[in-house]
């Protein structure tokens, strides 16, 4: 279980990230971390 999900689909690692997957699955405890098209956020969790 991911503590806090992430709704940032533009993060370059979003497809591999358990935080983004958790958000897609409806986790309401989320924020947007600082990942973008060029980098991941540093709070990435491999799924």
Protein backbone atom coordinates (compact mmCIF):
# COMPACT_ATOMS: atom_id res chain seq x y z
CA UNK A 1 0.00 0.00 0.00
CA UNK A 2 1.34 3.41 -1.00
CA UNK A 3 1.18 6.05 1.74
CA UNK A 4 0.44 8.93 -0.62
CA UNK A 5 -0.50 8.57 -4.28
CA UNK A 6 0.48 10.96 -7.08
CA UNK A 7 -1.72 12.37 -9.85
CA UNK A 8 1.13 13.61 -12.07
CA UNK A 9 0.84 11.84 -15.44
CA UNK A 10 3.51 14.09 -17.03
CA UNK A 11 6.29 12.68 -14.82
CA UNK A 12 8.69 10.64 -16.98
CA UNK A 13 8.43 7.75 -14.48
CA UNK A 14 4.64 7.80 -14.02
CA UNK A 15 4.15 4.58 -16.02
CA UNK A 16 6.53 2.74 -13.66
CA UNK A 17 5.45 4.41 -10.42
CA UNK A 18 3.34 2.77 -7.73
CA UNK A 19 2.21 6.22 -6.54
CA UNK A 20 0.62 7.03 -9.92
CA UNK A 21 -0.88 3.53 -10.15
CA UNK A 22 -2.39 4.02 -6.70
CA UNK A 23 -3.97 7.31 -7.84
CA UNK A 24 -5.42 5.57 -10.92
CA UNK A 25 -6.90 2.97 -8.58
CA UNK A 26 -8.74 5.68 -6.65
CA UNK A 27 -6.46 6.47 -3.71
CA UNK A 28 -7.84 9.79 -2.45
CA UNK A 29 -4.75 10.58 -0.34
CA UNK A 30 -2.64 12.13 -3.09
CA UNK A 31 -0.57 15.11 -4.10
CA UNK A 32 1.47 16.13 -7.12
CA UNK A 33 5.18 15.56 -6.62
CA UNK A 34 7.74 17.45 -8.69
CA UNK A 35 8.34 15.01 -11.55
CA UNK A 36 8.18 16.27 -15.13
CA UNK A 37 8.82 15.08 -18.69
CA UNK A 38 12.59 15.15 -18.14
CA UNK A 39 12.88 13.69 -14.64
CA UNK A 40 11.29 11.72 -11.88
CA UNK A 41 10.42 13.32 -8.55
CA UNK A 42 12.67 11.56 -6.05
CA UNK A 43 9.59 10.16 -4.27
CA UNK A 44 9.17 7.48 -6.93
CA UNK A 45 8.14 3.98 -5.83
CA UNK A 46 8.77 1.14 -8.31
CA UNK A 47 5.58 -0.83 -8.98
